[in-house]
Amino acid sequence: MRAAFLLLLATPIAAQAQTPVPVAVQSVDPALLAKAQPIAAIILPDGTMEKMMGPMMQKMMGPMMDGMTKMPIREFLKVGGLDPEQAEHLGEGTIEEMMAIIDPNFRKRMDVIVNTMMPAMGRFMGRYEPDMREGMAEAFAYRYSAAELDQIGAFLKTPAGAKFGAGFMELAADPHYIGRMQKIMPEMMRAMPEIMKSSAQELAKLPKPRTYNDLTKAERERLTALLGADAKKAH
């Protein structure tokens, strides 16, 4: 249960660091890119990711954990795949109440994880800020015309524009915004079983994955080569 809870909490952050699936992108005009690069530099200045993923995210995760742990266990298990009808037979006990019995140091343990993982994630993401800035500049160059980029650039040179640009990325971790998202989270968790039904219906139409015994000899050998170990034992 604790591992599943940690995974759920880490999902919004981990999603930002997952290995991206290659997507087809169109080339951009070098002249437009040159106009867009200073804009991206203002919106994503050096140190932004470390600041967001470090102190700002640490402040955000505490209240988020409080909201999550106060959820009834049955709602959490529904998201994990427990049949809703079976879940309704469970009591109203919360995750917080359960963990107080199983692990009295649960909250302290969570605090340690958050206070070490988030800064480390920030340092990791900070190494890729140049790539992120370039990607942002390319997106701007693709989406906006030369005249529009000039107007955006001019605005960002004003005092209000500079303040807006430098703090734009941090809006995602602003307490006002996060507070609203926290209110949505319990409702989203309760709605997840119903949301997942549409996927389950479509998945049921697909053939079930093959087992090791269903594979041909060549496929088994190929699988063993890919795993670097006996595929049967790995299975």
C-alpha atoms as a PDB file:
ATOM      1  CA  MET A   1       0.000   0.000   0.000  1.00  0.00           C
ATOM      2  CA  ARG A   2       2.762   2.431   0.942  1.00  0.00           C
ATOM      3  CA  ALA A   3       4.587   1.780  -2.340  1.00  0.00           C
ATOM      4  CA  ALA A   4       1.413   2.360  -4.332  1.00  0.00           C
ATOM      5  CA  PHE A   5       0.734   5.583  -2.470  1.00  0.00           C
ATOM      6  CA  LEU A   6       4.239   6.880  -3.095  1.00  0.00           C
ATOM      7  CA  LEU A   7       3.910   6.013  -6.761  1.00  0.00           C
ATOM      8  CA  LEU A   8       0.651   7.904  -7.021  1.00  0.00           C
ATOM      9  CA  LEU A   9       2.128  10.983  -5.394  1.00  0.00           C
ATOM     10  CA  ALA A  10       5.195  10.871  -7.602  1.00  0.00           C
ATOM     11  CA  THR A  11       3.246  10.486 -10.856  1.00  0.00           C
ATOM     12  CA  PRO A  12       2.906  14.207 -11.723  1.00  0.00           C
ATOM     13  CA  ILE A  13       6.613  14.683 -11.204  1.00  0.00           C
ATOM     14  CA  ALA A  14       7.806  11.468 -12.783  1.00  0.00           C
ATOM     15  CA  ALA A  15       5.729  12.138 -15.855  1.00  0.00           C
ATOM     16  CA  GLN A  16       7.917  15.167 -16.568  1.00  0.00           C
ATOM     17  CA  ALA A  17      11.065  13.071 -16.479  1.00  0.00           C
ATOM     18  CA  GLN A  18       9.974  10.016 -18.426  1.00  0.00           C
ATOM     19  CA  THR A  19      11.885   9.085 -21.559  1.00  0.00           C
ATOM     20  CA  PRO A  20       9.956  10.920 -24.292  1.00  0.00           C
ATOM     21  CA  VAL A  21       8.367   9.066 -27.155  1.00  0.00           C
ATOM     22  CA  PRO A  22       9.831  10.495 -30.390  1.00  0.00           C
ATOM     23  CA  VAL A  23       7.307  12.670 -32.214  1.00  0.00           C
ATOM     24  CA  ALA A  24       7.432  14.137 -35.684  1.00  0.00           C
ATOM     25  CA  VAL A  25       8.177  17.861 -35.624  1.00  0.00           C
ATOM     26  CA  GLN A  26       8.305  20.359 -38.438  1.00  0.00           C
ATOM     27  CA  SER A  27      11.404  22.464 -38.945  1.00  0.00           C
ATOM     28  CA  VAL A  28      11.146  26.135 -38.074  1.00  0.00           C
ATOM     29  CA  ASP A  29      12.341  29.257 -39.832  1.00  0.00           C
ATOM     30  CA  PRO A  30      15.813  30.197 -38.471  1.00  0.00           C
ATOM     31  CA  ALA A  31      14.826  33.878 -38.528  1.00  0.00           C
ATOM     32  CA  LEU A  32      11.769  33.193 -36.390  1.00  0.00           C
ATOM     33  CA  LEU A  33      13.815  30.991 -34.093  1.00  0.00           C
ATOM     34  CA  ALA A  34      16.262  33.837 -33.541  1.00  0.00           C
ATOM     35  CA  LYS A  35      13.361  36.049 -32.431  1.00  0.00           C
ATOM     36  CA  ALA A  36      11.934  33.309 -30.204  1.00  0.00           C
ATOM     37  CA  GLN A  37      15.122  32.382 -28.361  1.00  0.00           C
ATOM     38  CA  PRO A  38      15.320  35.564 -26.232  1.00  0.00           C
ATOM     39  CA  ILE A  39      11.665  35.062 -25.290  1.00  0.00           C
ATOM     40  CA  ALA A  40      12.320  31.511 -24.134  1.00  0.00           C
ATOM     41  CA  ALA A  41      15.346  32.722 -22.165  1.00  0.00           C
ATOM     42  CA  ILE A  42      13.132  35.139 -20.218  1.00  0.00           C
ATOM     43  CA  ILE A  43      10.381  32.596 -19.572  1.00  0.00           C
ATOM     44  CA  LEU A  44      12.764  29.802 -18.563  1.00  0.00           C
ATOM     45  CA  PRO A  45      15.771  31.463 -16.898  1.00  0.00           C
ATOM     46  CA  ASP A  46      18.615  29.436 -15.414  1.00  0.00           C
ATOM     47  CA  GLY A  47      17.682  27.748 -12.151  1.00  0.00           C
ATOM     48  CA  THR A  48      13.930  27.656 -12.786  1.00  0.00           C
ATOM     49  CA  MET A  49      13.563  23.882 -12.707  1.00  0.00           C
ATOM     50  CA  GLU A  50      15.658  23.494  -9.565  1.00  0.00           C
ATOM     51  CA  LYS A  51      13.572  26.159  -7.860  1.00  0.00           C
ATOM     52  CA  MET A  52      10.280  24.640  -8.992  1.00  0.00           C
ATOM     53  CA  MET A  53      11.163  21.042  -8.230  1.00  0.00           C
ATOM     54  CA  GLY A  54      12.916  21.936  -4.997  1.00  0.00           C
ATOM     55  CA  PRO A  55      11.514  24.445  -2.478  1.00  0.00           C
ATOM     56  CA  MET A  56       8.299  25.182  -4.370  1.00  0.00           C
ATOM     57  CA  MET A  57       7.390  21.550  -4.933  1.00  0.00           C
ATOM     58  CA  GLN A  58       8.294  20.638  -1.354  1.00  0.00           C
ATOM     59  CA  LYS A  59       5.778  23.206  -0.080  1.00  0.00           C
ATOM     60  CA  MET A  60       3.162  21.834  -2.457  1.00  0.00           C
ATOM     61  CA  MET A  61       3.600  18.145  -1.648  1.00  0.00           C
ATOM     62  CA  GLY A  62       2.849  18.479   2.078  1.00  0.00           C
ATOM     63  CA  PRO A  63      -0.736  19.722   1.662  1.00  0.00           C
ATOM     64  CA  MET A  64      -1.236  17.317  -1.243  1.00  0.00           C
ATOM     65  CA  MET A  65      -0.223  14.364   0.922  1.00  0.00           C
ATOM     66  CA  ASP A  66      -2.541  15.546   3.672  1.00  0.00           C
ATOM     67  CA  GLY A  67      -5.448  15.577   1.256  1.00  0.00           C
ATOM     68  CA  MET A  68      -4.601  12.159  -0.153  1.00  0.00           C
ATOM     69  CA  THR A  69      -4.137  10.444   3.208  1.00  0.00           C
ATOM     70  CA  LYS A  70      -7.536  11.655   4.380  1.00  0.00           C
ATOM     71  CA  MET A  71      -9.222   9.724   1.573  1.00  0.00           C
ATOM     72  CA  PRO A  72     -11.144   6.557   2.543  1.00  0.00           C
ATOM     73  CA  ILE A  73      -9.077   3.466   1.779  1.00  0.00           C
ATOM     74  CA  ARG A  74     -11.877   2.041  -0.330  1.00  0.00           C
ATOM     75  CA  GLU A  75     -11.683   4.995  -2.717  1.00  0.00           C
ATOM     76  CA  PHE A  76      -7.951   4.497  -3.089  1.00  0.00           C
ATOM     77  CA  LEU A  77      -8.397   0.773  -3.752  1.00  0.00           C
ATOM     78  CA  LYS A  78     -11.014   1.471  -6.415  1.00  0.00           C
ATOM     79  CA  VAL A  79      -8.395   3.405  -8.349  1.00  0.00           C
ATOM     80  CA  GLY A  80      -6.073   0.423  -7.913  1.00  0.00           C
ATOM     81  CA  GLY A  81      -8.600  -1.808  -9.662  1.00  0.00           C
ATOM     82  CA  LEU A  82     -10.714  -3.229  -6.842  1.00  0.00           C
ATOM     83  CA  ASP A  83     -14.261  -3.970  -7.958  1.00  0.00           C
ATOM     84  CA  PRO A  84     -16.412  -0.973  -6.891  1.00  0.00           C
ATOM     85  CA  GLU A  85     -19.076  -3.266  -5.440  1.00  0.00           C
ATOM     86  CA  GLN A  86     -16.487  -5.052  -3.312  1.00  0.00           C
ATOM     87  CA  ALA A  87     -15.008  -1.725  -2.259  1.00  0.00           C
ATOM     88  CA  GLU A  88     -18.386  -0.535  -0.983  1.00  0.00           C
ATOM     89  CA  HIS A  89     -18.309  -3.304   1.631  1.00  0.00           C
ATOM     90  CA  LEU A  90     -15.169  -1.801   3.152  1.00  0.00           C
ATOM     91  CA  GLY A  91     -15.315   0.641   6.035  1.00  0.00           C
ATOM     92  CA  GLU A  92     -14.844   4.419   6.039  1.00  0.00           C
ATOM     93  CA  GLY A  93     -11.306   4.204   7.410  1.00  0.00           C
ATOM     94  CA  THR A  94      -8.792   6.545   5.807  1.00  0.00           C
ATOM     95  CA  ILE A  95      -5.257   5.910   4.596  1.00  0.00           C
ATOM     96  CA  GLU A  96      -4.023   8.164   7.406  1.00  0.00           C
ATOM     97  CA  GLU A  97      -5.776   6.030  10.040  1.00  0.00           C
ATOM     98  CA  MET A  98      -4.473   2.810   8.519  1.00  0.00           C
ATOM     99  CA  MET A  99      -0.887   4.062   8.315  1.00  0.00           C
ATOM    100  CA  ALA A 100      -1.011   5.253  11.925  1.00  0.00           C
ATOM    101  CA  ILE A 101      -1.323   1.580  12.833  1.00  0.00           C
ATOM    102  CA  ILE A 102       0.973   0.023  10.238  1.00  0.00           C
ATOM    103  CA  ASP A 103       3.676   2.705  10.212  1.00  0.00           C
ATOM    104  CA  PRO A 104       3.475   5.405  12.912  1.00  0.00           C
ATOM    105  CA  ASN A 105       6.420   7.140  11.217  1.00  0.00           C
ATOM    106  CA  PHE A 106       4.704   7.184   7.831  1.00  0.00           C
ATOM    107  CA  ARG A 107       4.419  10.971   7.610  1.00  0.00           C
ATOM    108  CA  LYS A 108       8.008  11.491   8.728  1.00  0.00           C
ATOM    109  CA  ARG A 109       9.086   8.896   6.181  1.00  0.00           C
ATOM    110  CA  MET A 110       7.135  10.704   3.469  1.00  0.00           C
ATOM    111  CA  ASP A 111       8.661  14.035   4.474  1.00  0.00           C
ATOM    112  CA  VAL A 112      12.158  12.575   4.183  1.00  0.00           C
ATOM    113  CA  ILE A 113      11.373  11.227   0.715  1.00  0.00           C
ATOM    114  CA  VAL A 114       9.886  14.520  -0.477  1.00  0.00           C
ATOM    115  CA  ASN A 115      12.652  16.634   1.039  1.00  0.00           C
ATOM    116  CA  THR A 116      15.362  14.545  -0.638  1.00  0.00           C
ATOM    117  CA  MET A 117      13.706  13.434  -3.874  1.00  0.00           C
ATOM    118  CA  MET A 118      12.379  16.808  -4.981  1.00  0.00           C
ATOM    119  CA  PRO A 119      15.677  18.716  -4.745  1.00  0.00           C
ATOM    120  CA  ALA A 120      17.465  15.836  -6.480  1.00  0.00           C
ATOM    121  CA  MET A 121      14.850  15.880  -9.232  1.00  0.00           C
ATOM    122  CA  GLY A 122      15.301  19.632  -9.550  1.00  0.00           C
ATOM    123  CA  ARG A 123      19.049  19.294  -9.957  1.00  0.00           C
ATOM    124  CA  PHE A 124      18.517  16.601 -12.578  1.00  0.00           C
ATOM    125  CA  MET A 125      15.985  18.657 -14.541  1.00  0.00           C
ATOM    126  CA  GLY A 126      18.198  21.723 -14.260  1.00  0.00           C
ATOM    127  CA  ARG A 127      20.860  20.015 -16.366  1.00  0.00           C
ATOM    128  CA  TYR A 128      18.415  19.941 -19.271  1.00  0.00           C
ATOM    129  CA  GLU A 129      17.210  23.534 -19.086  1.00  0.00           C
ATOM    130  CA  PRO A 130      19.180  24.530 -22.223  1.00  0.00           C
ATOM    131  CA  ASP A 131      17.395  21.814 -24.210  1.00  0.00           C
ATOM    132  CA  MET A 132      14.055  22.836 -22.727  1.00  0.00           C
ATOM    133  CA  ARG A 133      14.674  26.474 -23.643  1.00  0.00           C
ATOM    134  CA  GLU A 134      15.557  25.531 -27.195  1.00  0.00           C
ATOM    135  CA  GLY A 135      12.456  23.376 -27.490  1.00  0.00           C
ATOM    136  CA  MET A 136      10.342  26.235 -26.161  1.00  0.00           C
ATOM    137  CA  ALA A 137      11.919  28.641 -28.639  1.00  0.00           C
ATOM    138  CA  GLU A 138      11.222  26.226 -31.498  1.00  0.00           C
ATOM    139  CA  ALA A 139       7.598  25.929 -30.373  1.00  0.00           C
ATOM    140  CA  PHE A 140       7.241  29.707 -30.308  1.00  0.00           C
ATOM    141  CA  ALA A 141       8.866  30.012 -33.730  1.00  0.00           C
ATOM    142  CA  TYR A 142       6.411  27.438 -35.093  1.00  0.00           C
ATOM    143  CA  ARG A 143       3.308  28.976 -33.510  1.00  0.00           C
ATOM    144  CA  TYR A 144       3.882  32.700 -33.963  1.00  0.00           C
ATOM    145  CA  SER A 145       4.647  35.020 -36.854  1.00  0.00           C
ATOM    146  CA  ALA A 146       7.563  37.441 -36.913  1.00  0.00           C
ATOM    147  CA  ALA A 147       5.263  40.351 -36.045  1.00  0.00           C
ATOM    148  CA  GLU A 148       3.720  38.446 -33.140  1.00  0.00           C
ATOM    149  CA  LEU A 149       7.123  37.440 -31.776  1.00  0.00           C
ATOM    150  CA  ASP A 150       8.231  41.081 -31.974  1.00  0.00           C
ATOM    151  CA  GLN A 151       5.164  42.105 -29.973  1.00  0.00           C
ATOM    152  CA  ILE A 152       5.725  39.399 -27.360  1.00  0.00           C
ATOM    153  CA  GLY A 153       9.392  40.322 -27.106  1.00  0.00           C
ATOM    154  CA  ALA A 154       8.542  44.007 -26.692  1.00  0.00           C
ATOM    155  CA  PHE A 155       6.084  43.225 -23.914  1.00  0.00           C
ATOM    156  CA  LEU A 156       8.643  41.099 -22.074  1.00  0.00           C
ATOM    157  CA  LYS A 157      11.031  44.044 -22.104  1.00  0.00           C
ATOM    158  CA  THR A 158       8.588  46.150 -20.073  1.00  0.00           C
ATOM    159  CA  PRO A 159       8.694  45.908 -16.255  1.00  0.00           C
ATOM    160  CA  ALA A 160       5.345  44.089 -16.153  1.00  0.00           C
ATOM    161  CA  GLY A 161       6.336  41.838 -19.031  1.00  0.00           C
ATOM    162  CA  ALA A 162       9.672  40.941 -17.461  1.00  0.00           C
ATOM    163  CA  LYS A 163       7.949  40.040 -14.192  1.00  0.00           C
ATOM    164  CA  PHE A 164       5.315  38.002 -16.027  1.00  0.00           C
ATOM    165  CA  GLY A 165       7.856  36.171 -18.156  1.00  0.00           C
ATOM    166  CA  ALA A 166      10.278  35.354 -15.347  1.00  0.00           C
ATOM    167  CA  GLY A 167       7.520  33.952 -13.158  1.00  0.00           C
ATOM    168  CA  PHE A 168       5.417  32.245 -15.811  1.00  0.00           C
ATOM    169  CA  MET A 169       6.802  28.730 -15.300  1.00  0.00           C
ATOM    170  CA  GLU A 170       6.422  29.038 -11.551  1.00  0.00           C
ATOM    171  CA  LEU A 171       2.671  29.570 -11.857  1.00  0.00           C
ATOM    172  CA  ALA A 172       2.242  25.788 -12.046  1.00  0.00           C
ATOM    173  CA  ALA A 173       3.497  25.539  -8.456  1.00  0.00           C
ATOM    174  CA  ASP A 174       1.719  28.622  -7.099  1.00  0.00           C
ATOM    175  CA  PRO A 175      -0.279  27.862  -3.910  1.00  0.00           C
ATOM    176  CA  HIS A 176      -3.417  29.469  -5.364  1.00  0.00           C
ATOM    177  CA  TYR A 177      -3.363  27.209  -8.407  1.00  0.00           C
ATOM    178  CA  ILE A 178      -2.273  24.137  -6.480  1.00  0.00           C
ATOM    179  CA  GLY A 179      -4.977  24.737  -3.880  1.00  0.00           C
ATOM    180  CA  ARG A 180      -7.631  24.501  -6.581  1.00  0.00           C
ATOM    181  CA  MET A 181      -6.051  21.346  -7.980  1.00  0.00           C
ATOM    182  CA  GLN A 182      -5.976  19.771  -4.531  1.00  0.00           C
ATOM    183  CA  LYS A 183      -9.723  20.265  -4.230  1.00  0.00           C
ATOM    184  CA  ILE A 184     -10.194  18.414  -7.507  1.00  0.00           C
ATOM    185  CA  MET A 185      -7.942  15.470  -6.578  1.00  0.00           C
ATOM    186  CA  PRO A 186     -10.344  13.565  -4.272  1.00  0.00           C
ATOM    187  CA  GLU A 187     -13.147  13.882  -6.807  1.00  0.00           C
ATOM    188  CA  MET A 188     -10.826  12.727  -9.580  1.00  0.00           C
ATOM    189  CA  MET A 189      -9.790   9.701  -7.523  1.00  0.00           C
ATOM    190  CA  ARG A 190     -13.423   8.778  -6.949  1.00  0.00           C
ATOM    191  CA  ALA A 191     -14.173   9.223 -10.661  1.00  0.00           C
ATOM    192  CA  MET A 192     -11.215   7.144 -11.878  1.00  0.00           C
ATOM    193  CA  PRO A 193     -12.973   3.743 -11.836  1.00  0.00           C
ATOM    194  CA  GLU A 194     -15.715   5.115 -14.071  1.00  0.00           C
ATOM    195  CA  ILE A 195     -13.190   6.903 -16.290  1.00  0.00           C
ATOM    196  CA  MET A 196     -11.202   3.690 -16.675  1.00  0.00           C
ATOM    197  CA  LYS A 197     -14.274   1.709 -17.735  1.00  0.00           C
ATOM    198  CA  SER A 198     -14.045   3.091 -21.270  1.00  0.00           C
ATOM    199  CA  SER A 199     -10.496   1.778 -21.600  1.00  0.00           C
ATOM    200  CA  ALA A 200     -11.448  -1.562 -20.064  1.00  0.00           C
ATOM    201  CA  GLN A 201     -14.256  -2.026 -22.590  1.00  0.00           C
ATOM    202  CA  GLU A 202     -11.923  -1.389 -25.517  1.00  0.00           C
ATOM    203  CA  LEU A 203      -9.113  -3.487 -24.043  1.00  0.00           C
ATOM    204  CA  ALA A 204     -11.491  -6.415 -23.643  1.00  0.00           C
ATOM    205  CA  LYS A 205     -11.852  -6.494 -27.434  1.00  0.00           C
ATOM    206  CA  LEU A 206      -8.136  -7.131 -27.911  1.00  0.00           C
ATOM    207  CA  PRO A 207      -6.531 -10.580 -27.746  1.00  0.00           C
ATOM    208  CA  LYS A 208      -4.913 -11.360 -24.409  1.00  0.00           C
ATOM    209  CA  PRO A 209      -1.110 -11.057 -24.256  1.00  0.00           C
ATOM    210  CA  ARG A 210       0.704 -14.269 -25.093  1.00  0.00           C
ATOM    211  CA  THR A 211       2.387 -16.347 -22.415  1.00  0.00           C
ATOM    212  CA  TYR A 212       5.864 -17.824 -22.676  1.00  0.00           C
ATOM    213  CA  ASN A 213       4.358 -21.132 -23.768  1.00  0.00           C
ATOM    214  CA  ASP A 214       2.620 -19.423 -26.700  1.00  0.00           C
ATOM    215  CA  LEU A 215       5.906 -18.233 -28.213  1.00  0.00           C
ATOM    216  CA  THR A 216       7.753 -19.965 -30.996  1.00  0.00           C
ATOM    217  CA  LYS A 217      11.290 -21.198 -30.416  1.00  0.00           C
ATOM    218  CA  ALA A 218      12.670 -18.253 -32.420  1.00  0.00           C
ATOM    219  CA  GLU A 219      10.595 -15.791 -30.392  1.00  0.00           C
ATOM    220  CA  ARG A 220      11.787 -17.320 -27.134  1.00  0.00           C
ATOM    221  CA  GLU A 221      15.397 -17.063 -28.230  1.00  0.00           C
ATOM    222  CA  ARG A 222      14.876 -13.464 -29.321  1.00  0.00           C
ATOM    223  CA  LEU A 223      13.241 -12.620 -25.996  1.00  0.00           C
ATOM    224  CA  THR A 224      16.118 -14.207 -24.101  1.00  0.00           C
ATOM    225  CA  ALA A 225      18.580 -12.156 -26.141  1.00  0.00           C
ATOM    226  CA  LEU A 226      16.664  -8.953 -25.402  1.00  0.00           C
ATOM    227  CA  LEU A 227      16.462  -9.676 -21.670  1.00  0.00           C
ATOM    228  CA  GLY A 228      20.002 -10.914 -21.370  1.00  0.00           C
ATOM    229  CA  ALA A 229      18.623 -13.761 -19.268  1.00  0.00           C
ATOM    230  CA  ASP A 230      16.537 -16.892 -19.580  1.00  0.00           C
ATOM    231  CA  ALA A 231      13.148 -15.574 -20.736  1.00  0.00           C
ATOM    232  CA  LYS A 232      11.333 -18.472 -19.088  1.00  0.00           C
ATOM    233  CA  LYS A 233      12.805 -17.626 -15.672  1.00  0.00           C
ATOM    234  CA  ALA A 234      12.175 -13.913 -16.213  1.00  0.00           C
ATOM    235  CA  HIS A 235       8.591 -14.700 -17.096  1.00  0.00           C
END
